[in-house]
């Protein structure tokens, strides 16, 4: 791979998303210019000018670059995704090119872990129903207790983290502080075991599900993980167990989830992601019993772009110094 020197490098930052916090802050471009004044750094607010700027761009920083856009990037050597999920970049033209692809894996782990702990507590203590009763100015002590899912505790419960990566490890550290019994699932059955009782291989998922009181889906979106948790997997879970998805909507069979909630097979669930986002008003998920929905905010934090910028600066330092690049996307694995 031909690495460039700062003076001969053009870097383009370009993300537009309806949610404003997914758009890069001006401070990112300013930080790069301050570190390497000789570099050409362009921050585009939308995609209008991208076709004319791509042909001589060396480094592209953004959420997505489609196959037809890639054709314009004759000079591209490196794409840095501002999203940890890179399914949108897994097309043949990019896979077959020699372009390096990196992502910001790790920077979302702390806010997502804290968000997940909030969801675990909300399900155990039934905060959603308490808030609904508060809106009605109703003191609902008896009503909350009379629910089939009694108010319970997290300590001593088994939390199974399906996809035990950087997010899972941060969740495990916090869950251990609540005296939960934490287990993980990875493709190989191997990972850092500091905060878990046991790591299961993907092939043993059904076995792992059987003893879990809470199941957290935190695996990356790949061809292998689509519908990872469906009717068969939910049937393997304890009756009354709770399910949380902070990964991607495609990993969960939403129809099977709704049926399990309606029948009482699952005691509750929490979703931060959905197959279709924004979730349409007519989606049956809105009315599913004992389901808490947050609108894909688990990774959102007021520290997000500070972390994004720090990580990109470190990668740029390594790029110009000729050192190994971390957070490289493995096209074979899909993340």
C-alpha atoms as a PDB file:
ATOM      1  CA  UNK A   1       0.000   0.000   0.000  1.00  0.00           C
ATOM      2  CA  UNK A   2       1.401   3.376  -1.023  1.00  0.00           C
ATOM      3  CA  UNK A   3       1.215   5.697   1.952  1.00  0.00           C
ATOM      4  CA  UNK A   4       1.209   9.427   1.407  1.00  0.00           C
ATOM      5  CA  UNK A   5       3.033  12.284   3.113  1.00  0.00           C
ATOM      6  CA  UNK A   6       0.939  15.061   4.704  1.00  0.00           C
ATOM      7  CA  UNK A   7       1.895  17.659   2.080  1.00  0.00           C
ATOM      8  CA  UNK A   8       0.706  15.396  -0.746  1.00  0.00           C
ATOM      9  CA  UNK A   9      -2.480  14.194   0.963  1.00  0.00           C
ATOM     10  CA  UNK A  10      -6.065  15.273   0.381  1.00  0.00           C
ATOM     11  CA  UNK A  11      -8.482  14.157   3.080  1.00  0.00           C
ATOM     12  CA  UNK A  12     -12.234  14.565   2.668  1.00  0.00           C
ATOM     13  CA  UNK A  13     -14.725  14.305   5.539  1.00  0.00           C
ATOM     14  CA  UNK A  14     -18.283  13.807   4.314  1.00  0.00           C
ATOM     15  CA  UNK A  15     -21.287  12.517   6.240  1.00  0.00           C
ATOM     16  CA  UNK A  16     -24.881  13.621   6.034  1.00  0.00           C
ATOM     17  CA  UNK A  17     -27.464  11.953   8.251  1.00  0.00           C
ATOM     18  CA  UNK A  18     -30.937  13.105   9.330  1.00  0.00           C
ATOM     19  CA  UNK A  19     -29.800  12.706  12.947  1.00  0.00           C
ATOM     20  CA  UNK A  20     -27.509  15.675  13.462  1.00  0.00           C
ATOM     21  CA  UNK A  21     -25.228  14.003  16.002  1.00  0.00           C
ATOM     22  CA  UNK A  22     -24.044  11.459  13.411  1.00  0.00           C
ATOM     23  CA  UNK A  23     -22.638  14.352  11.365  1.00  0.00           C
ATOM     24  CA  UNK A  24     -18.965  15.189  12.029  1.00  0.00           C
ATOM     25  CA  UNK A  25     -18.262  18.328  14.002  1.00  0.00           C
ATOM     26  CA  UNK A  26     -16.105  21.121  12.465  1.00  0.00           C
ATOM     27  CA  UNK A  27     -13.585  20.529  15.249  1.00  0.00           C
ATOM     28  CA  UNK A  28     -12.532  17.256  13.615  1.00  0.00           C
ATOM     29  CA  UNK A  29     -11.269  18.985  10.458  1.00  0.00           C
ATOM     30  CA  UNK A  30      -9.754  21.796  12.541  1.00  0.00           C
ATOM     31  CA  UNK A  31      -7.801  19.328  14.681  1.00  0.00           C
ATOM     32  CA  UNK A  32      -6.361  17.639  11.584  1.00  0.00           C
ATOM     33  CA  UNK A  33      -5.405  20.995  10.025  1.00  0.00           C
ATOM     34  CA  UNK A  34      -3.741  22.096  13.266  1.00  0.00           C
ATOM     35  CA  UNK A  35      -1.672  18.913  13.404  1.00  0.00           C
ATOM     36  CA  UNK A  36      -0.761  18.881   9.702  1.00  0.00           C
ATOM     37  CA  UNK A  37      -1.137  22.410   8.255  1.00  0.00           C
ATOM     38  CA  UNK A  38       0.352  21.278   4.964  1.00  0.00           C
ATOM     39  CA  UNK A  39      -2.427  18.709   4.361  1.00  0.00           C
ATOM     40  CA  UNK A  40      -5.490  19.524   2.260  1.00  0.00           C
ATOM     41  CA  UNK A  41      -8.483  18.868   4.510  1.00  0.00           C
ATOM     42  CA  UNK A  42     -12.016  19.324   3.228  1.00  0.00           C
ATOM     43  CA  UNK A  43     -15.178  18.959   5.313  1.00  0.00           C
ATOM     44  CA  UNK A  44     -18.292  18.636   3.127  1.00  0.00           C
ATOM     45  CA  UNK A  45     -21.629  19.179   4.874  1.00  0.00           C
ATOM     46  CA  UNK A  46     -23.509  17.019   2.350  1.00  0.00           C
ATOM     47  CA  UNK A  47     -22.874  14.889  -0.739  1.00  0.00           C
ATOM     48  CA  UNK A  48     -23.550  17.567  -3.376  1.00  0.00           C
ATOM     49  CA  UNK A  49     -19.886  18.353  -4.105  1.00  0.00           C
ATOM     50  CA  UNK A  50     -18.532  14.881  -3.436  1.00  0.00           C
ATOM     51  CA  UNK A  51     -18.381  13.759  -7.115  1.00  0.00           C
ATOM     52  CA  UNK A  52     -16.105  16.669  -8.049  1.00  0.00           C
ATOM     53  CA  UNK A  53     -13.902  16.281  -4.951  1.00  0.00           C
ATOM     54  CA  UNK A  54     -13.430  12.498  -4.980  1.00  0.00           C
ATOM     55  CA  UNK A  55     -11.097  12.022  -7.992  1.00  0.00           C
ATOM     56  CA  UNK A  56      -7.983  13.398  -6.237  1.00  0.00           C
ATOM     57  CA  UNK A  57      -8.948  12.358  -2.675  1.00  0.00           C
ATOM     58  CA  UNK A  58      -6.459  10.083  -0.899  1.00  0.00           C
ATOM     59  CA  UNK A  59      -8.327   9.526   2.388  1.00  0.00           C
ATOM     60  CA  UNK A  60     -12.105   9.524   2.749  1.00  0.00           C
ATOM     61  CA  UNK A  61     -13.724   9.846   6.176  1.00  0.00           C
ATOM     62  CA  UNK A  62     -17.444   9.108   6.224  1.00  0.00           C
ATOM     63  CA  UNK A  63     -20.250   6.702   6.885  1.00  0.00           C
ATOM     64  CA  UNK A  64     -20.640   5.277   3.408  1.00  0.00           C
ATOM     65  CA  UNK A  65     -19.265   5.361  -0.114  1.00  0.00           C
ATOM     66  CA  UNK A  66     -21.361   3.534  -2.687  1.00  0.00           C
ATOM     67  CA  UNK A  67     -19.956   1.445  -5.530  1.00  0.00           C
ATOM     68  CA  UNK A  68     -20.801   4.080  -8.149  1.00  0.00           C
ATOM     69  CA  UNK A  69     -19.055   6.734  -6.038  1.00  0.00           C
ATOM     70  CA  UNK A  70     -16.024   4.529  -5.554  1.00  0.00           C
ATOM     71  CA  UNK A  71     -15.450   4.628  -9.322  1.00  0.00           C
ATOM     72  CA  UNK A  72     -14.790   8.371  -9.019  1.00  0.00           C
ATOM     73  CA  UNK A  73     -12.222   7.825  -6.275  1.00  0.00           C
ATOM     74  CA  UNK A  74      -9.335   6.941  -8.574  1.00  0.00           C
ATOM     75  CA  UNK A  75      -6.796   8.063  -5.976  1.00  0.00           C
ATOM     76  CA  UNK A  76      -8.382   6.548  -2.863  1.00  0.00           C
ATOM     77  CA  UNK A  77      -6.037   4.642  -0.584  1.00  0.00           C
ATOM     78  CA  UNK A  78      -7.910   4.578   2.699  1.00  0.00           C
ATOM     79  CA  UNK A  79     -11.546   4.853   3.824  1.00  0.00           C
ATOM     80  CA  UNK A  80     -12.230   5.513   7.495  1.00  0.00           C
ATOM     81  CA  UNK A  81     -15.824   4.801   8.477  1.00  0.00           C
ATOM     82  CA  UNK A  82     -17.305   6.991  11.199  1.00  0.00           C
ATOM     83  CA  UNK A  83     -19.753   4.150  11.942  1.00  0.00           C
ATOM     84  CA  UNK A  84     -18.606   1.006  13.720  1.00  0.00           C
ATOM     85  CA  UNK A  85     -20.936  -1.101  11.574  1.00  0.00           C
ATOM     86  CA  UNK A  86     -19.584  -1.413   8.033  1.00  0.00           C
ATOM     87  CA  UNK A  87     -22.165  -3.639   6.317  1.00  0.00           C
ATOM     88  CA  UNK A  88     -22.809  -0.722   3.935  1.00  0.00           C
ATOM     89  CA  UNK A  89     -19.199  -1.026   2.685  1.00  0.00           C
ATOM     90  CA  UNK A  90     -19.163  -4.777   2.095  1.00  0.00           C
ATOM     91  CA  UNK A  91     -19.702  -4.620  -1.673  1.00  0.00           C
ATOM     92  CA  UNK A  92     -17.474  -6.490  -4.165  1.00  0.00           C
ATOM     93  CA  UNK A  93     -15.889  -3.439  -5.782  1.00  0.00           C
ATOM     94  CA  UNK A  94     -14.425  -2.285  -2.465  1.00  0.00           C
ATOM     95  CA  UNK A  95     -13.634  -5.772  -1.210  1.00  0.00           C
ATOM     96  CA  UNK A  96     -11.665  -6.468  -4.403  1.00  0.00           C
ATOM     97  CA  UNK A  97      -9.767  -3.178  -4.291  1.00  0.00           C
ATOM     98  CA  UNK A  98      -6.551  -2.523  -2.368  1.00  0.00           C
ATOM     99  CA  UNK A  99      -8.161   0.298  -0.389  1.00  0.00           C
ATOM    100  CA  UNK A 100      -7.638   0.095   3.366  1.00  0.00           C
ATOM    101  CA  UNK A 101     -10.851   0.357   5.415  1.00  0.00           C
ATOM    102  CA  UNK A 102     -10.873   1.213   9.118  1.00  0.00           C
ATOM    103  CA  UNK A 103     -13.661   1.934  11.588  1.00  0.00           C
ATOM    104  CA  UNK A 104     -13.993   3.547  15.030  1.00  0.00           C
ATOM    105  CA  UNK A 105     -14.562   0.273  16.868  1.00  0.00           C
ATOM    106  CA  UNK A 106     -14.303   0.816  20.609  1.00  0.00           C
ATOM    107  CA  UNK A 107     -15.373   4.449  20.858  1.00  0.00           C
ATOM    108  CA  UNK A 108     -19.053   3.555  21.307  1.00  0.00           C
ATOM    109  CA  UNK A 109     -18.429   0.840  23.894  1.00  0.00           C
ATOM    110  CA  UNK A 110     -18.657   2.921  27.086  1.00  0.00           C
ATOM    111  CA  UNK A 111     -21.886   4.814  26.296  1.00  0.00           C
ATOM    112  CA  UNK A 112     -23.457   1.633  24.927  1.00  0.00           C
ATOM    113  CA  UNK A 113     -22.479  -0.288  28.047  1.00  0.00           C
ATOM    114  CA  UNK A 114     -23.972   2.388  30.309  1.00  0.00           C
ATOM    115  CA  UNK A 115     -27.118   2.480  28.157  1.00  0.00           C
ATOM    116  CA  UNK A 116     -27.371  -1.313  28.382  1.00  0.00           C
ATOM    117  CA  UNK A 117     -27.100  -1.244  32.168  1.00  0.00           C
ATOM    118  CA  UNK A 118     -29.942   1.278  32.149  1.00  0.00           C
ATOM    119  CA  UNK A 119     -32.047  -1.105  30.056  1.00  0.00           C
ATOM    120  CA  UNK A 120     -31.252  -4.043  32.352  1.00  0.00           C
ATOM    121  CA  UNK A 121     -32.313  -2.046  35.392  1.00  0.00           C
ATOM    122  CA  UNK A 122     -35.408  -0.719  33.615  1.00  0.00           C
ATOM    123  CA  UNK A 123     -36.533  -4.261  32.782  1.00  0.00           C
ATOM    124  CA  UNK A 124     -35.808  -5.615  36.271  1.00  0.00           C
ATOM    125  CA  UNK A 125     -37.501  -2.709  38.065  1.00  0.00           C
ATOM    126  CA  UNK A 126     -40.214  -2.047  35.433  1.00  0.00           C
ATOM    127  CA  UNK A 127     -39.400   1.629  35.029  1.00  0.00           C
ATOM    128  CA  UNK A 128     -41.409   1.945  31.767  1.00  0.00           C
ATOM    129  CA  UNK A 129     -44.717   1.101  33.482  1.00  0.00           C
ATOM    130  CA  UNK A 130     -43.814   3.294  36.462  1.00  0.00           C
ATOM    131  CA  UNK A 131     -43.302   6.258  34.120  1.00  0.00           C
ATOM    132  CA  UNK A 132     -46.586   5.545  32.327  1.00  0.00           C
ATOM    133  CA  UNK A 133     -48.400   5.541  35.675  1.00  0.00           C
ATOM    134  CA  UNK A 134     -46.633   8.760  36.672  1.00  0.00           C
ATOM    135  CA  UNK A 135     -47.967  10.390  33.497  1.00  0.00           C
ATOM    136  CA  UNK A 136     -51.466   9.470  34.754  1.00  0.00           C
ATOM    137  CA  UNK A 137     -50.681  10.805  38.270  1.00  0.00           C
ATOM    138  CA  UNK A 138     -51.367   7.311  39.612  1.00  0.00           C
ATOM    139  CA  UNK A 139     -49.624   5.751  42.641  1.00  0.00           C
ATOM    140  CA  UNK A 140     -49.226   2.297  41.114  1.00  0.00           C
ATOM    141  CA  UNK A 141     -47.408   0.258  43.743  1.00  0.00           C
ATOM    142  CA  UNK A 142     -49.896  -2.634  43.696  1.00  0.00           C
ATOM    143  CA  UNK A 143     -50.346  -2.558  39.914  1.00  0.00           C
ATOM    144  CA  UNK A 144     -46.617  -2.795  39.342  1.00  0.00           C
ATOM    145  CA  UNK A 145     -46.262  -5.704  41.732  1.00  0.00           C
ATOM    146  CA  UNK A 146     -49.250  -7.548  40.263  1.00  0.00           C
ATOM    147  CA  UNK A 147     -47.644  -7.728  36.809  1.00  0.00           C
ATOM    148  CA  UNK A 148     -46.662 -11.301  35.832  1.00  0.00           C
ATOM    149  CA  UNK A 149     -43.079 -10.029  35.776  1.00  0.00           C
ATOM    150  CA  UNK A 150     -42.561  -9.160  39.444  1.00  0.00           C
ATOM    151  CA  UNK A 151     -40.064  -6.476  40.360  1.00  0.00           C
ATOM    152  CA  UNK A 152     -36.790  -8.331  40.665  1.00  0.00           C
ATOM    153  CA  UNK A 153     -33.053  -7.895  41.185  1.00  0.00           C
ATOM    154  CA  UNK A 154     -30.040  -8.194  38.885  1.00  0.00           C
ATOM    155  CA  UNK A 155     -27.661  -9.746  41.406  1.00  0.00           C
ATOM    156  CA  UNK A 156     -27.160 -13.469  40.962  1.00  0.00           C
ATOM    157  CA  UNK A 157     -28.874 -13.452  37.543  1.00  0.00           C
ATOM    158  CA  UNK A 158     -27.187 -14.844  34.445  1.00  0.00           C
ATOM    159  CA  UNK A 159     -26.450 -12.324  31.697  1.00  0.00           C
ATOM    160  CA  UNK A 160     -25.513 -13.850  28.342  1.00  0.00           C
ATOM    161  CA  UNK A 161     -23.766 -11.446  25.960  1.00  0.00           C
ATOM    162  CA  UNK A 162     -24.099 -12.658  22.373  1.00  0.00           C
ATOM    163  CA  UNK A 163     -21.197 -11.020  20.546  1.00  0.00           C
ATOM    164  CA  UNK A 164     -18.603 -10.607  23.266  1.00  0.00           C
ATOM    165  CA  UNK A 165     -16.472  -7.843  21.764  1.00  0.00           C
ATOM    166  CA  UNK A 166     -15.505  -4.392  23.009  1.00  0.00           C
ATOM    167  CA  UNK A 167     -19.100  -3.449  23.882  1.00  0.00           C
ATOM    168  CA  UNK A 168     -19.694  -6.779  25.593  1.00  0.00           C
ATOM    169  CA  UNK A 169     -16.548  -6.443  27.693  1.00  0.00           C
ATOM    170  CA  UNK A 170     -17.598  -2.996  28.932  1.00  0.00           C
ATOM    171  CA  UNK A 171     -21.072  -4.323  29.768  1.00  0.00           C
ATOM    172  CA  UNK A 172     -19.542  -7.305  31.583  1.00  0.00           C
ATOM    173  CA  UNK A 173     -17.388  -5.073  33.800  1.00  0.00           C
ATOM    174  CA  UNK A 174     -20.442  -3.117  34.899  1.00  0.00           C
ATOM    175  CA  UNK A 175     -22.680  -6.165  35.256  1.00  0.00           C
ATOM    176  CA  UNK A 176     -20.084  -7.785  37.526  1.00  0.00           C
ATOM    177  CA  UNK A 177     -20.350  -4.720  39.800  1.00  0.00           C
ATOM    178  CA  UNK A 178     -24.042  -5.655  40.153  1.00  0.00           C
ATOM    179  CA  UNK A 179     -22.987  -9.206  41.070  1.00  0.00           C
ATOM    180  CA  UNK A 180     -24.461 -10.642  37.885  1.00  0.00           C
ATOM    181  CA  UNK A 181     -23.126 -13.908  36.493  1.00  0.00           C
ATOM    182  CA  UNK A 182     -21.854 -13.011  33.038  1.00  0.00           C
ATOM    183  CA  UNK A 183     -21.286 -15.340  30.097  1.00  0.00           C
ATOM    184  CA  UNK A 184     -20.352 -14.565  26.506  1.00  0.00           C
ATOM    185  CA  UNK A 185     -20.712 -15.941  22.995  1.00  0.00           C
ATOM    186  CA  UNK A 186     -18.121 -15.416  20.238  1.00  0.00           C
ATOM    187  CA  UNK A 187     -17.583 -17.048  16.851  1.00  0.00           C
ATOM    188  CA  UNK A 188     -14.620 -19.077  18.117  1.00  0.00           C
ATOM    189  CA  UNK A 189     -15.504 -19.476  21.779  1.00  0.00           C
ATOM    190  CA  UNK A 190     -12.411 -17.456  22.694  1.00  0.00           C
ATOM    191  CA  UNK A 191     -12.085 -13.961  24.154  1.00  0.00           C
ATOM    192  CA  UNK A 192     -10.814 -12.090  27.183  1.00  0.00           C
ATOM    193  CA  UNK A 193     -12.329 -13.995  30.086  1.00  0.00           C
ATOM    194  CA  UNK A 194     -11.588 -11.479  32.843  1.00  0.00           C
ATOM    195  CA  UNK A 195     -15.213 -10.592  33.547  1.00  0.00           C
ATOM    196  CA  UNK A 196     -17.081 -13.709  32.435  1.00  0.00           C
ATOM    197  CA  UNK A 197     -17.706 -17.151  33.887  1.00  0.00           C
ATOM    198  CA  UNK A 198     -17.563 -18.814  30.491  1.00  0.00           C
ATOM    199  CA  UNK A 199     -17.236 -18.115  26.767  1.00  0.00           C
ATOM    200  CA  UNK A 200     -19.361 -20.209  24.387  1.00  0.00           C
ATOM    201  CA  UNK A 201     -18.674 -20.731  20.695  1.00  0.00           C
ATOM    202  CA  UNK A 202     -21.317 -19.596  18.226  1.00  0.00           C
ATOM    203  CA  UNK A 203     -22.090 -23.270  17.524  1.00  0.00           C
ATOM    204  CA  UNK A 204     -23.171 -23.674  21.186  1.00  0.00           C
ATOM    205  CA  UNK A 205     -25.526 -20.695  21.203  1.00  0.00           C
ATOM    206  CA  UNK A 206     -28.631 -22.772  21.958  1.00  0.00           C
ATOM    207  CA  UNK A 207     -26.926 -24.364  24.948  1.00  0.00           C
ATOM    208  CA  UNK A 208     -25.804 -20.971  26.213  1.00  0.00           C
ATOM    209  CA  UNK A 209     -29.310 -19.498  25.946  1.00  0.00           C
ATOM    210  CA  UNK A 210     -30.910 -22.119  28.171  1.00  0.00           C
ATOM    211  CA  UNK A 211     -29.587 -20.780  31.485  1.00  0.00           C
ATOM    212  CA  UNK A 212     -29.708 -17.051  30.729  1.00  0.00           C
ATOM    213  CA  UNK A 213     -32.014 -14.718  32.617  1.00  0.00           C
ATOM    214  CA  UNK A 214     -31.008 -11.789  30.394  1.00  0.00           C
ATOM    215  CA  UNK A 215     -29.698 -12.031  26.832  1.00  0.00           C
ATOM    216  CA  UNK A 216     -27.890  -9.102  25.237  1.00  0.00           C
ATOM    217  CA  UNK A 217     -27.382  -9.036  21.463  1.00  0.00           C
ATOM    218  CA  UNK A 218     -24.177  -7.099  20.743  1.00  0.00           C
ATOM    219  CA  UNK A 219     -22.751  -8.897  17.700  1.00  0.00           C
ATOM    220  CA  UNK A 220     -21.738  -7.165  14.455  1.00  0.00           C
ATOM    221  CA  UNK A 221     -24.019  -7.255  11.434  1.00  0.00           C
ATOM    222  CA  UNK A 222     -22.683  -9.761   8.921  1.00  0.00           C
ATOM    223  CA  UNK A 223     -24.141 -12.320   6.521  1.00  0.00           C
ATOM    224  CA  UNK A 224     -23.715 -14.924   9.286  1.00  0.00           C
ATOM    225  CA  UNK A 225     -25.498 -12.956  12.010  1.00  0.00           C
ATOM    226  CA  UNK A 226     -28.695 -12.012  10.197  1.00  0.00           C
ATOM    227  CA  UNK A 227     -31.662 -13.420  12.155  1.00  0.00           C
ATOM    228  CA  UNK A 228     -29.163 -14.710  14.713  1.00  0.00           C
ATOM    229  CA  UNK A 229     -31.914 -14.725  17.326  1.00  0.00           C
ATOM    230  CA  UNK A 230     -35.155 -16.123  15.933  1.00  0.00           C
ATOM    231  CA  UNK A 231     -38.047 -18.286  17.067  1.00  0.00           C
ATOM    232  CA  UNK A 232     -35.859 -21.358  17.679  1.00  0.00           C
ATOM    233  CA  UNK A 233     -33.383 -19.393  19.793  1.00  0.00           C
ATOM    234  CA  UNK A 234     -36.120 -17.667  21.814  1.00  0.00           C
ATOM    235  CA  UNK A 235     -37.722 -21.074  22.423  1.00  0.00           C
ATOM    236  CA  UNK A 236     -34.417 -22.192  23.966  1.00  0.00           C
ATOM    237  CA  UNK A 237     -34.503 -19.380  26.507  1.00  0.00           C
ATOM    238  CA  UNK A 238     -35.989 -19.654  29.985  1.00  0.00           C
ATOM    239  CA  UNK A 239     -39.651 -18.752  30.215  1.00  0.00           C
ATOM    240  CA  UNK A 240     -39.784 -15.195  31.504  1.00  0.00           C
ATOM    241  CA  UNK A 241     -36.238 -14.306  30.429  1.00  0.00           C
ATOM    242  CA  UNK A 242     -35.532 -10.823  29.085  1.00  0.00           C
ATOM    243  CA  UNK A 243     -33.930  -9.924  25.752  1.00  0.00           C
ATOM    244  CA  UNK A 244     -32.032  -6.748  24.795  1.00  0.00           C
ATOM    245  CA  UNK A 245     -30.779  -5.774  21.321  1.00  0.00           C
ATOM    246  CA  UNK A 246     -28.255  -2.923  20.935  1.00  0.00           C
ATOM    247  CA  UNK A 247     -26.575  -4.365  17.816  1.00  0.00           C
ATOM    248  CA  UNK A 248     -28.564  -4.101  14.583  1.00  0.00           C
ATOM    249  CA  UNK A 249     -32.207  -4.838  13.843  1.00  0.00           C
ATOM    250  CA  UNK A 250     -31.300  -7.504  11.295  1.00  0.00           C
ATOM    251  CA  UNK A 251     -29.912  -9.779  14.039  1.00  0.00           C
ATOM    252  CA  UNK A 252     -33.347 -10.325  15.585  1.00  0.00           C
ATOM    253  CA  UNK A 253     -36.561 -11.806  14.195  1.00  0.00           C
ATOM    254  CA  UNK A 254     -38.953  -9.079  15.295  1.00  0.00           C
ATOM    255  CA  UNK A 255     -42.056 -11.165  14.564  1.00  0.00           C
ATOM    256  CA  UNK A 256     -40.778 -13.967  16.796  1.00  0.00           C
ATOM    257  CA  UNK A 257     -40.001 -11.412  19.501  1.00  0.00           C
ATOM    258  CA  UNK A 258     -43.542  -9.996  19.443  1.00  0.00           C
ATOM    259  CA  UNK A 259     -45.094 -13.463  19.599  1.00  0.00           C
ATOM    260  CA  UNK A 260     -42.878 -14.418  22.559  1.00  0.00           C
ATOM    261  CA  UNK A 261     -43.820 -11.245  24.433  1.00  0.00           C
ATOM    262  CA  UNK A 262     -47.532 -11.734  23.744  1.00  0.00           C
ATOM    263  CA  UNK A 263     -47.444 -15.350  24.935  1.00  0.00           C
ATOM    264  CA  UNK A 264     -45.373 -14.575  28.021  1.00  0.00           C
ATOM    265  CA  UNK A 265     -42.509 -16.800  26.857  1.00  0.00           C
ATOM    266  CA  UNK A 266     -40.330 -13.717  27.280  1.00  0.00           C
ATOM    267  CA  UNK A 267     -40.825 -11.617  30.378  1.00  0.00           C
ATOM    268  CA  UNK A 268     -39.696  -8.441  28.670  1.00  0.00           C
ATOM    269  CA  UNK A 269     -37.430  -6.961  26.040  1.00  0.00           C
ATOM    270  CA  UNK A 270     -35.652  -3.741  25.160  1.00  0.00           C
ATOM    271  CA  UNK A 271     -34.660  -2.618  21.669  1.00  0.00           C
ATOM    272  CA  UNK A 272     -32.315   0.208  20.730  1.00  0.00           C
ATOM    273  CA  UNK A 273     -32.353  -0.851  17.069  1.00  0.00           C
ATOM    274  CA  UNK A 274     -34.942  -2.035  14.556  1.00  0.00           C
ATOM    275  CA  UNK A 275     -35.039  -3.596  11.118  1.00  0.00           C
ATOM    276  CA  UNK A 276     -36.519  -0.383   9.757  1.00  0.00           C
ATOM    277  CA  UNK A 277     -35.271   2.914  11.153  1.00  0.00           C
ATOM    278  CA  UNK A 278     -36.884   5.255  11.924  1.00  0.00           C
ATOM    279  CA  UNK A 279     -39.424   2.745  13.216  1.00  0.00           C
ATOM    280  CA  UNK A 280     -42.734   3.428  11.387  1.00  0.00           C
ATOM    281  CA  UNK A 281     -45.703   4.496  13.503  1.00  0.00           C
ATOM    282  CA  UNK A 282     -47.648   1.470  12.249  1.00  0.00           C
ATOM    283  CA  UNK A 283     -45.024  -1.036  13.436  1.00  0.00           C
ATOM    284  CA  UNK A 284     -46.505  -3.627  15.833  1.00  0.00           C
ATOM    285  CA  UNK A 285     -43.381  -3.245  17.975  1.00  0.00           C
ATOM    286  CA  UNK A 286     -44.806  -0.030  19.449  1.00  0.00           C
ATOM    287  CA  UNK A 287     -47.717  -1.943  20.983  1.00  0.00           C
ATOM    288  CA  UNK A 288     -45.924  -5.155  21.970  1.00  0.00           C
ATOM    289  CA  UNK A 289     -46.339  -5.892  25.686  1.00  0.00           C
ATOM    290  CA  UNK A 290     -43.383  -5.413  28.035  1.00  0.00           C
ATOM    291  CA  UNK A 291     -41.208  -3.968  25.300  1.00  0.00           C
ATOM    292  CA  UNK A 292     -39.075  -0.872  25.893  1.00  0.00           C
ATOM    293  CA  UNK A 293     -37.799   1.012  22.830  1.00  0.00           C
ATOM    294  CA  UNK A 294     -35.013   3.582  22.669  1.00  0.00           C
ATOM    295  CA  UNK A 295     -34.427   5.228  19.250  1.00  0.00           C
ATOM    296  CA  UNK A 296     -30.894   3.999  18.444  1.00  0.00           C
ATOM    297  CA  UNK A 297     -29.358   6.252  21.080  1.00  0.00           C
ATOM    298  CA  UNK A 298     -27.161   3.749  22.939  1.00  0.00           C
ATOM    299  CA  UNK A 299     -24.009   4.978  21.191  1.00  0.00           C
ATOM    300  CA  UNK A 300     -24.891   8.664  21.386  1.00  0.00           C
ATOM    301  CA  UNK A 301     -22.902  10.776  23.827  1.00  0.00           C
ATOM    302  CA  UNK A 302     -21.744  14.360  24.222  1.00  0.00           C
ATOM    303  CA  UNK A 303     -18.190  12.939  24.103  1.00  0.00           C
ATOM    304  CA  UNK A 304     -18.689  11.116  20.782  1.00  0.00           C
ATOM    305  CA  UNK A 305     -16.834  13.463  18.435  1.00  0.00           C
ATOM    306  CA  UNK A 306     -13.985  14.013  20.889  1.00  0.00           C
ATOM    307  CA  UNK A 307     -13.438  10.248  20.783  1.00  0.00           C
ATOM    308  CA  UNK A 308     -13.917  10.083  16.995  1.00  0.00           C
ATOM    309  CA  UNK A 309     -11.336  12.844  16.482  1.00  0.00           C
ATOM    310  CA  UNK A 310      -8.764  11.388  18.878  1.00  0.00           C
ATOM    311  CA  UNK A 311      -8.988   7.983  17.210  1.00  0.00           C
ATOM    312  CA  UNK A 312      -8.674   9.421  13.690  1.00  0.00           C
ATOM    313  CA  UNK A 313      -5.648  11.531  14.686  1.00  0.00           C
ATOM    314  CA  UNK A 314      -3.933   8.436  16.077  1.00  0.00           C
ATOM    315  CA  UNK A 315      -4.664   6.502  12.878  1.00  0.00           C
ATOM    316  CA  UNK A 316      -3.331   9.387  10.753  1.00  0.00           C
ATOM    317  CA  UNK A 317      -0.143   9.471  12.848  1.00  0.00           C
ATOM    318  CA  UNK A 318       0.319   5.774  12.137  1.00  0.00           C
ATOM    319  CA  UNK A 319      -0.492   6.242   8.448  1.00  0.00           C
ATOM    320  CA  UNK A 320       2.171   8.893   7.948  1.00  0.00           C
ATOM    321  CA  UNK A 321       4.749   7.083  10.127  1.00  0.00           C
ATOM    322  CA  UNK A 322       4.314   3.811   8.241  1.00  0.00           C
ATOM    323  CA  UNK A 323       3.206   1.950  11.372  1.00  0.00           C
ATOM    324  CA  UNK A 324       0.577  -0.776  11.649  1.00  0.00           C
ATOM    325  CA  UNK A 325      -2.982   0.491  11.473  1.00  0.00           C
ATOM    326  CA  UNK A 326      -5.440  -0.674  14.124  1.00  0.00           C
ATOM    327  CA  UNK A 327      -9.216  -1.080  13.650  1.00  0.00           C
ATOM    328  CA  UNK A 328      -8.710  -2.480  10.167  1.00  0.00           C
ATOM    329  CA  UNK A 329     -11.901  -3.966   8.722  1.00  0.00           C
ATOM    330  CA  UNK A 330     -11.591  -7.645   7.857  1.00  0.00           C
ATOM    331  CA  UNK A 331     -13.601  -8.185   4.667  1.00  0.00           C
ATOM    332  CA  UNK A 332     -13.723 -11.928   5.269  1.00  0.00           C
ATOM    333  CA  UNK A 333     -15.415 -11.500   8.657  1.00  0.00           C
ATOM    334  CA  UNK A 334     -17.398  -8.440   7.591  1.00  0.00           C
ATOM    335  CA  UNK A 335     -16.316  -6.193  10.471  1.00  0.00           C
END
